[in-house]
Amino acid sequence: MSLRRLLSHLVPFSIERGESRVHPRLSVRLVGGRLRLDAQRVNHSGGSLRDVWAAAFAHLRPERRPLERVLLLGLGGGSSLDLLRERGVHAPIDAVELDPEVVRLARAHFGLERLQPLEIHVADALDWIERPGERYDLVLVDLFIEDEIPPAARAEPFLRGLGARLAPGGLLVFNQLGHTPRRYAEALELQRLAARVLGPARILVCGTNQLLVHEAGHATR
């Protein structure tokens, strides 16, 4: 372990800062021995977000599924993808990220070359999901602007678009916050909408987050 990483357990180390029209403030930091990508109010990779996805994958065991293609909406620093590779998932991955500055920082500091085969699309996921294209066996949704999910990402058209991109038996995992009464209510509202639009959906609690889970093979419509 490097001295800087060791000392970061005592004092956070700032490595690089960035800004964009999407995120006025971005920072890559070493905190508690771990590399993080943070926006002004929320962690976008490493740190607590990595713990959320680690807990989700420990429960869902994606490596036991016949995954041929994976889609991630909202790249951040790629924590969820790094965890998939660690669990032995070798399928090609498409990742869609709105903010080119996030992509730049992720490429510079988070070892995305280790996650190949990986194709990164700099695009609005809300538009991208509506285009004709591949179907996926695993779809991860991690769409936050700071600590808010865009309202359009919680609406019926977007959920229908997600459903259209799921292969038969494919798994959808949609990350949401759930640490306040308002966030918890929003998570339950999305679960009800997803159940109506896609079929059976459930909430998987991972720390303070509420992940929506839907398996296409269970849909009846």
C-alpha atoms as a PDB file:
ATOM      1  CA  MET A   1       0.000   0.000   0.000  1.00  0.00           C
ATOM      2  CA  SER A   2       1.405   3.405  -0.947  1.00  0.00           C
ATOM      3  CA  LEU A   3       2.140   5.944   1.755  1.00  0.00           C
ATOM      4  CA  ARG A   4      -0.435   8.315   0.295  1.00  0.00           C
ATOM      5  CA  ARG A   5      -3.112   5.619   0.344  1.00  0.00           C
ATOM      6  CA  LEU A   6      -2.189   4.764   3.914  1.00  0.00           C
ATOM      7  CA  LEU A   7      -2.321   8.397   5.024  1.00  0.00           C
ATOM      8  CA  SER A   8      -5.701   8.862   3.317  1.00  0.00           C
ATOM      9  CA  HIS A   9      -7.205   6.946   6.236  1.00  0.00           C
ATOM     10  CA  LEU A  10      -6.362  10.051   8.271  1.00  0.00           C
ATOM     11  CA  VAL A  11      -6.599  12.889   5.729  1.00  0.00           C
ATOM     12  CA  PRO A  12      -8.339  12.750   2.311  1.00  0.00           C
ATOM     13  CA  PHE A  13      -6.019  13.374  -0.646  1.00  0.00           C
ATOM     14  CA  SER A  14      -7.278  15.411  -3.604  1.00  0.00           C
ATOM     15  CA  ILE A  15      -5.937  13.995  -6.883  1.00  0.00           C
ATOM     16  CA  GLU A  16      -7.788  15.944  -9.578  1.00  0.00           C
ATOM     17  CA  ARG A  17     -10.755  18.263  -9.882  1.00  0.00           C
ATOM     18  CA  GLY A  18     -13.055  18.852 -12.814  1.00  0.00           C
ATOM     19  CA  GLU A  19     -16.202  20.703 -13.783  1.00  0.00           C
ATOM     20  CA  SER A  20     -18.801  20.538 -16.533  1.00  0.00           C
ATOM     21  CA  ARG A  21     -22.224  21.834 -17.443  1.00  0.00           C
ATOM     22  CA  VAL A  22     -23.698  18.679 -15.868  1.00  0.00           C
ATOM     23  CA  HIS A  23     -21.598  18.704 -12.692  1.00  0.00           C
ATOM     24  CA  PRO A  24     -20.262  22.095 -11.565  1.00  0.00           C
ATOM     25  CA  ARG A  25     -17.850  20.316  -9.240  1.00  0.00           C
ATOM     26  CA  LEU A  26     -16.185  16.929  -9.617  1.00  0.00           C
ATOM     27  CA  SER A  27     -13.260  15.576  -7.643  1.00  0.00           C
ATOM     28  CA  VAL A  28     -11.116  12.465  -7.634  1.00  0.00           C
ATOM     29  CA  ARG A  29      -9.889  11.783  -4.099  1.00  0.00           C
ATOM     30  CA  LEU A  30      -8.275   9.126  -1.971  1.00  0.00           C
ATOM     31  CA  VAL A  31     -10.439   8.671   1.122  1.00  0.00           C
ATOM     32  CA  GLY A  32      -9.945   5.886   3.629  1.00  0.00           C
ATOM     33  CA  GLY A  33      -7.585   4.095   1.288  1.00  0.00           C
ATOM     34  CA  ARG A  34     -10.100   4.053  -1.564  1.00  0.00           C
ATOM     35  CA  LEU A  35     -10.244   6.061  -4.767  1.00  0.00           C
ATOM     36  CA  ARG A  36     -13.477   8.030  -5.116  1.00  0.00           C
ATOM     37  CA  LEU A  37     -15.178  10.124  -7.750  1.00  0.00           C
ATOM     38  CA  ASP A  38     -17.381  12.667  -6.001  1.00  0.00           C
ATOM     39  CA  ALA A  39     -19.755  15.354  -7.198  1.00  0.00           C
ATOM     40  CA  GLN A  40     -20.699  18.271  -4.984  1.00  0.00           C
ATOM     41  CA  ARG A  41     -23.195  16.328  -2.851  1.00  0.00           C
ATOM     42  CA  VAL A  42     -22.871  12.672  -3.764  1.00  0.00           C
ATOM     43  CA  ASN A  43     -20.375   9.871  -4.343  1.00  0.00           C
ATOM     44  CA  HIS A  44     -20.312   8.723  -7.993  1.00  0.00           C
ATOM     45  CA  SER A  45     -17.779   5.919  -7.718  1.00  0.00           C
ATOM     46  CA  GLY A  46     -15.786   4.128  -5.060  1.00  0.00           C
ATOM     47  CA  GLY A  47     -16.746   4.797  -1.457  1.00  0.00           C
ATOM     48  CA  SER A  48     -20.315   4.137  -0.389  1.00  0.00           C
ATOM     49  CA  LEU A  49     -21.577   3.588  -3.944  1.00  0.00           C
ATOM     50  CA  ARG A  50     -19.178   0.715  -4.470  1.00  0.00           C
ATOM     51  CA  ASP A  51     -20.452  -0.803  -1.226  1.00  0.00           C
ATOM     52  CA  VAL A  52     -24.043  -0.559  -2.497  1.00  0.00           C
ATOM     53  CA  TRP A  53     -23.263  -2.428  -5.711  1.00  0.00           C
ATOM     54  CA  ALA A  54     -21.128  -4.974  -3.858  1.00  0.00           C
ATOM     55  CA  ALA A  55     -24.073  -5.766  -1.581  1.00  0.00           C
ATOM     56  CA  ALA A  56     -26.445  -5.976  -4.546  1.00  0.00           C
ATOM     57  CA  PHE A  57     -24.222  -8.375  -6.487  1.00  0.00           C
ATOM     58  CA  ALA A  58     -23.617 -10.516  -3.400  1.00  0.00           C
ATOM     59  CA  HIS A  59     -27.381 -11.041  -3.288  1.00  0.00           C
ATOM     60  CA  LEU A  60     -28.144 -11.261  -7.028  1.00  0.00           C
ATOM     61  CA  ARG A  61     -25.074 -13.322  -8.048  1.00  0.00           C
ATOM     62  CA  PRO A  62     -24.872 -12.032 -11.658  1.00  0.00           C
ATOM     63  CA  GLU A  63     -21.907 -14.325 -12.364  1.00  0.00           C
ATOM     64  CA  ARG A  64     -24.286 -17.296 -12.138  1.00  0.00           C
ATOM     65  CA  ARG A  65     -26.479 -15.964 -14.939  1.00  0.00           C
ATOM     66  CA  PRO A  66     -25.893 -16.622 -18.670  1.00  0.00           C
ATOM     67  CA  LEU A  67     -24.788 -13.068 -19.457  1.00  0.00           C
ATOM     68  CA  GLU A  68     -23.942 -12.320 -23.084  1.00  0.00           C
ATOM     69  CA  ARG A  69     -24.252  -8.520 -22.990  1.00  0.00           C
ATOM     70  CA  VAL A  70     -24.386  -5.981 -20.137  1.00  0.00           C
ATOM     71  CA  LEU A  71     -25.640  -2.372 -20.192  1.00  0.00           C
ATOM     72  CA  LEU A  72     -24.814   0.319 -17.638  1.00  0.00           C
ATOM     73  CA  LEU A  73     -26.651   3.642 -17.748  1.00  0.00           C
ATOM     74  CA  GLY A  74     -24.550   6.123 -15.766  1.00  0.00           C
ATOM     75  CA  LEU A  75     -20.851   5.225 -15.818  1.00  0.00           C
ATOM     76  CA  GLY A  76     -19.360   7.289 -13.004  1.00  0.00           C
ATOM     77  CA  GLY A  77     -15.960   5.769 -12.309  1.00  0.00           C
ATOM     78  CA  GLY A  78     -17.172   2.286 -13.218  1.00  0.00           C
ATOM     79  CA  SER A  79     -17.412   0.799  -9.711  1.00  0.00           C
ATOM     80  CA  SER A  80     -20.270  -1.519 -10.625  1.00  0.00           C
ATOM     81  CA  LEU A  81     -18.423  -2.773 -13.704  1.00  0.00           C
ATOM     82  CA  ASP A  82     -15.217  -3.336 -11.753  1.00  0.00           C
ATOM     83  CA  LEU A  83     -17.195  -5.458  -9.301  1.00  0.00           C
ATOM     84  CA  LEU A  84     -18.752  -7.473 -12.137  1.00  0.00           C
ATOM     85  CA  ARG A  85     -15.325  -8.248 -13.560  1.00  0.00           C
ATOM     86  CA  GLU A  86     -14.073  -9.221 -10.091  1.00  0.00           C
ATOM     87  CA  ARG A  87     -16.980 -11.668  -9.842  1.00  0.00           C
ATOM     88  CA  GLY A  88     -15.988 -13.313 -13.130  1.00  0.00           C
ATOM     89  CA  VAL A  89     -18.446 -11.659 -15.525  1.00  0.00           C
ATOM     90  CA  HIS A  90     -16.614 -11.411 -18.865  1.00  0.00           C
ATOM     91  CA  ALA A  91     -19.494 -10.348 -21.132  1.00  0.00           C
ATOM     92  CA  PRO A  92     -19.112  -7.250 -23.356  1.00  0.00           C
ATOM     93  CA  ILE A  93     -20.379  -4.095 -21.662  1.00  0.00           C
ATOM     94  CA  ASP A  94     -21.973  -0.962 -23.103  1.00  0.00           C
ATOM     95  CA  ALA A  95     -21.823   2.032 -20.740  1.00  0.00           C
ATOM     96  CA  VAL A  96     -23.744   5.254 -21.381  1.00  0.00           C
ATOM     97  CA  GLU A  97     -22.605   8.459 -19.654  1.00  0.00           C
ATOM     98  CA  LEU A  98     -23.995  11.957 -20.182  1.00  0.00           C
ATOM     99  CA  ASP A  99     -20.998  13.907 -18.899  1.00  0.00           C
ATOM    100  CA  PRO A 100     -17.785  13.750 -20.972  1.00  0.00           C
ATOM    101  CA  GLU A 101     -15.831  15.112 -18.002  1.00  0.00           C
ATOM    102  CA  VAL A 102     -16.888  12.110 -15.931  1.00  0.00           C
ATOM    103  CA  VAL A 103     -15.668   9.850 -18.734  1.00  0.00           C
ATOM    104  CA  ARG A 104     -12.338  11.698 -18.891  1.00  0.00           C
ATOM    105  CA  LEU A 105     -11.758  11.386 -15.146  1.00  0.00           C
ATOM    106  CA  ALA A 106     -12.808   7.743 -15.156  1.00  0.00           C
ATOM    107  CA  ARG A 107     -10.384   6.922 -17.969  1.00  0.00           C
ATOM    108  CA  ALA A 108      -7.569   8.829 -16.263  1.00  0.00           C
ATOM    109  CA  HIS A 109      -7.902   7.397 -12.763  1.00  0.00           C
ATOM    110  CA  PHE A 110     -10.159   4.337 -12.518  1.00  0.00           C
ATOM    111  CA  GLY A 111      -8.471   1.791 -14.776  1.00  0.00           C
ATOM    112  CA  LEU A 112     -11.245   1.350 -17.319  1.00  0.00           C
ATOM    113  CA  GLU A 113      -8.823  -0.509 -19.589  1.00  0.00           C
ATOM    114  CA  ARG A 114      -9.103  -3.423 -17.135  1.00  0.00           C
ATOM    115  CA  LEU A 115     -12.824  -3.682 -17.828  1.00  0.00           C
ATOM    116  CA  GLN A 116     -12.585  -4.621 -21.507  1.00  0.00           C
ATOM    117  CA  PRO A 117     -14.538  -5.505 -23.552  1.00  0.00           C
ATOM    118  CA  LEU A 118     -16.161  -2.148 -22.741  1.00  0.00           C
ATOM    119  CA  GLU A 119     -17.666   0.434 -25.092  1.00  0.00           C
ATOM    120  CA  ILE A 120     -18.460   3.867 -23.651  1.00  0.00           C
ATOM    121  CA  HIS A 121     -21.153   6.010 -25.271  1.00  0.00           C
ATOM    122  CA  VAL A 122     -21.189   9.714 -24.367  1.00  0.00           C
ATOM    123  CA  ALA A 123     -24.919  10.312 -24.667  1.00  0.00           C
ATOM    124  CA  ASP A 124     -28.100  11.036 -22.742  1.00  0.00           C
ATOM    125  CA  ALA A 125     -29.349   7.667 -21.503  1.00  0.00           C
ATOM    126  CA  LEU A 126     -32.937   8.900 -21.768  1.00  0.00           C
ATOM    127  CA  ASP A 127     -32.506   9.305 -25.524  1.00  0.00           C
ATOM    128  CA  TRP A 128     -30.130   6.398 -26.035  1.00  0.00           C
ATOM    129  CA  ILE A 129     -32.515   3.830 -24.580  1.00  0.00           C
ATOM    130  CA  GLU A 130     -35.156   4.772 -27.166  1.00  0.00           C
ATOM    131  CA  ARG A 131     -32.914   3.961 -30.135  1.00  0.00           C
ATOM    132  CA  PRO A 132     -33.169   0.569 -31.819  1.00  0.00           C
ATOM    133  CA  GLY A 133     -30.307  -1.583 -30.649  1.00  0.00           C
ATOM    134  CA  GLU A 134     -29.026  -4.572 -28.742  1.00  0.00           C
ATOM    135  CA  ARG A 135     -30.897  -6.415 -26.020  1.00  0.00           C
ATOM    136  CA  TYR A 136     -29.108  -7.098 -22.773  1.00  0.00           C
ATOM    137  CA  ASP A 137     -29.068  -9.853 -20.174  1.00  0.00           C
ATOM    138  CA  LEU A 138     -28.192  -7.398 -17.392  1.00  0.00           C
ATOM    139  CA  VAL A 139     -29.155  -3.712 -17.303  1.00  0.00           C
ATOM    140  CA  LEU A 140     -27.830  -1.520 -14.483  1.00  0.00           C
ATOM    141  CA  VAL A 141     -29.316   1.961 -14.047  1.00  0.00           C
ATOM    142  CA  ASP A 142     -27.342   4.456 -11.954  1.00  0.00           C
ATOM    143  CA  LEU A 143     -28.583   7.810 -13.221  1.00  0.00           C
ATOM    144  CA  PHE A 144     -27.955  10.662 -10.826  1.00  0.00           C
ATOM    145  CA  ILE A 145     -27.408  14.365 -11.340  1.00  0.00           C
ATOM    146  CA  GLU A 146     -25.875  15.134  -7.962  1.00  0.00           C
ATOM    147  CA  ASP A 147     -28.271  13.284  -5.625  1.00  0.00           C
ATOM    148  CA  GLU A 148     -31.360  13.454  -7.854  1.00  0.00           C
ATOM    149  CA  ILE A 149     -32.619  10.982 -10.438  1.00  0.00           C
ATOM    150  CA  PRO A 150     -33.937  12.924 -13.466  1.00  0.00           C
ATOM    151  CA  PRO A 151     -37.762  12.855 -13.386  1.00  0.00           C
ATOM    152  CA  ALA A 152     -37.882  11.449 -16.922  1.00  0.00           C
ATOM    153  CA  ALA A 153     -35.888   8.434 -15.712  1.00  0.00           C
ATOM    154  CA  ARG A 154     -38.682   7.665 -13.263  1.00  0.00           C
ATOM    155  CA  ALA A 155     -41.441   7.896 -15.884  1.00  0.00           C
ATOM    156  CA  GLU A 156     -43.310   5.230 -17.836  1.00  0.00           C
ATOM    157  CA  PRO A 157     -41.719   5.864 -21.272  1.00  0.00           C
ATOM    158  CA  PHE A 158     -38.226   5.301 -19.892  1.00  0.00           C
ATOM    159  CA  LEU A 159     -39.264   2.122 -18.080  1.00  0.00           C
ATOM    160  CA  ARG A 160     -40.836   0.819 -21.280  1.00  0.00           C
ATOM    161  CA  GLY A 161     -37.595   1.599 -23.083  1.00  0.00           C
ATOM    162  CA  LEU A 162     -35.660  -0.369 -20.475  1.00  0.00           C
ATOM    163  CA  GLY A 163     -38.031  -3.284 -20.850  1.00  0.00           C
ATOM    164  CA  ALA A 164     -37.566  -3.270 -24.615  1.00  0.00           C
ATOM    165  CA  ARG A 165     -33.795  -3.561 -24.164  1.00  0.00           C
ATOM    166  CA  LEU A 166     -34.005  -6.556 -21.802  1.00  0.00           C
ATOM    167  CA  ALA A 167     -33.367  -9.949 -23.346  1.00  0.00           C
ATOM    168  CA  PRO A 168     -35.700 -12.797 -22.299  1.00  0.00           C
ATOM    169  CA  GLY A 169     -34.843 -13.598 -18.710  1.00  0.00           C
ATOM    170  CA  GLY A 170     -32.766 -10.425 -18.472  1.00  0.00           C
ATOM    171  CA  LEU A 171     -32.279  -8.668 -15.149  1.00  0.00           C
ATOM    172  CA  LEU A 172     -32.870  -4.955 -14.514  1.00  0.00           C
ATOM    173  CA  VAL A 173     -31.309  -3.327 -11.430  1.00  0.00           C
ATOM    174  CA  PHE A 174     -32.169   0.347 -10.875  1.00  0.00           C
ATOM    175  CA  ASN A 175     -30.253   2.159  -8.131  1.00  0.00           C
ATOM    176  CA  GLN A 176     -32.162   4.655  -5.966  1.00  0.00           C
ATOM    177  CA  LEU A 177     -31.557   6.463  -2.714  1.00  0.00           C
ATOM    178  CA  GLY A 178     -33.751   5.548   0.228  1.00  0.00           C
ATOM    179  CA  HIS A 179     -32.259   7.263   3.248  1.00  0.00           C
ATOM    180  CA  THR A 180     -35.059   9.789   3.904  1.00  0.00           C
ATOM    181  CA  PRO A 181     -38.865   9.462   3.972  1.00  0.00           C
ATOM    182  CA  ARG A 182     -39.080  11.283   0.633  1.00  0.00           C
ATOM    183  CA  ARG A 183     -36.510   9.032  -1.023  1.00  0.00           C
ATOM    184  CA  TYR A 184     -38.168   5.922   0.398  1.00  0.00           C
ATOM    185  CA  ALA A 185     -41.550   7.042  -0.928  1.00  0.00           C
ATOM    186  CA  GLU A 186     -40.019   7.687  -4.359  1.00  0.00           C
ATOM    187  CA  ALA A 187     -38.521   4.192  -4.387  1.00  0.00           C
ATOM    188  CA  LEU A 188     -41.884   2.607  -3.609  1.00  0.00           C
ATOM    189  CA  GLU A 189     -43.571   4.746  -6.254  1.00  0.00           C
ATOM    190  CA  LEU A 190     -41.096   3.557  -8.890  1.00  0.00           C
ATOM    191  CA  GLN A 191     -41.603  -0.041  -7.799  1.00  0.00           C
ATOM    192  CA  ARG A 192     -45.366   0.284  -8.296  1.00  0.00           C
ATOM    193  CA  LEU A 193     -44.899   1.886 -11.706  1.00  0.00           C
ATOM    194  CA  ALA A 194     -42.392  -0.754 -12.795  1.00  0.00           C
ATOM    195  CA  ALA A 195     -44.717  -3.542 -11.677  1.00  0.00           C
ATOM    196  CA  ARG A 196     -47.490  -2.062 -13.814  1.00  0.00           C
ATOM    197  CA  VAL A 197     -45.313  -1.385 -16.855  1.00  0.00           C
ATOM    198  CA  LEU A 198     -42.845  -4.288 -16.813  1.00  0.00           C
ATOM    199  CA  GLY A 199     -44.228  -6.964 -14.534  1.00  0.00           C
ATOM    200  CA  PRO A 200     -43.222  -8.122 -11.039  1.00  0.00           C
ATOM    201  CA  ALA A 201     -40.659  -5.828  -9.418  1.00  0.00           C
ATOM    202  CA  ARG A 202     -39.161  -5.774  -5.959  1.00  0.00           C
ATOM    203  CA  ILE A 203     -36.981  -3.560  -3.800  1.00  0.00           C
ATOM    204  CA  LEU A 204     -33.553  -4.771  -2.704  1.00  0.00           C
ATOM    205  CA  VAL A 205     -32.265  -2.800   0.290  1.00  0.00           C
ATOM    206  CA  CYS A 206     -28.503  -2.211   0.172  1.00  0.00           C
ATOM    207  CA  GLY A 207     -27.398   0.082   2.968  1.00  0.00           C
ATOM    208  CA  THR A 208     -29.309   3.329   2.598  1.00  0.00           C
ATOM    209  CA  ASN A 209     -30.169   2.623  -1.048  1.00  0.00           C
ATOM    210  CA  GLN A 210     -33.300   0.980  -2.434  1.00  0.00           C
ATOM    211  CA  LEU A 211     -32.567  -0.925  -5.662  1.00  0.00           C
ATOM    212  CA  LEU A 212     -35.451  -1.787  -7.952  1.00  0.00           C
ATOM    213  CA  VAL A 213     -35.081  -5.318  -9.341  1.00  0.00           C
ATOM    214  CA  HIS A 214     -37.078  -6.781 -12.243  1.00  0.00           C
ATOM    215  CA  GLU A 215     -36.487  -9.984 -14.189  1.00  0.00           C
ATOM    216  CA  ALA A 216     -37.883 -10.007 -17.719  1.00  0.00           C
ATOM    217  CA  GLY A 217     -38.628 -13.719 -17.563  1.00  0.00           C
ATOM    218  CA  HIS A 218     -41.303 -12.989 -14.945  1.00  0.00           C
ATOM    219  CA  ALA A 219     -43.214 -10.486 -17.084  1.00  0.00           C
ATOM    220  CA  THR A 220     -46.649 -11.441 -18.339  1.00  0.00           C
ATOM    221  CA  ARG A 221     -47.142  -8.602 -20.794  1.00  0.00           C
END
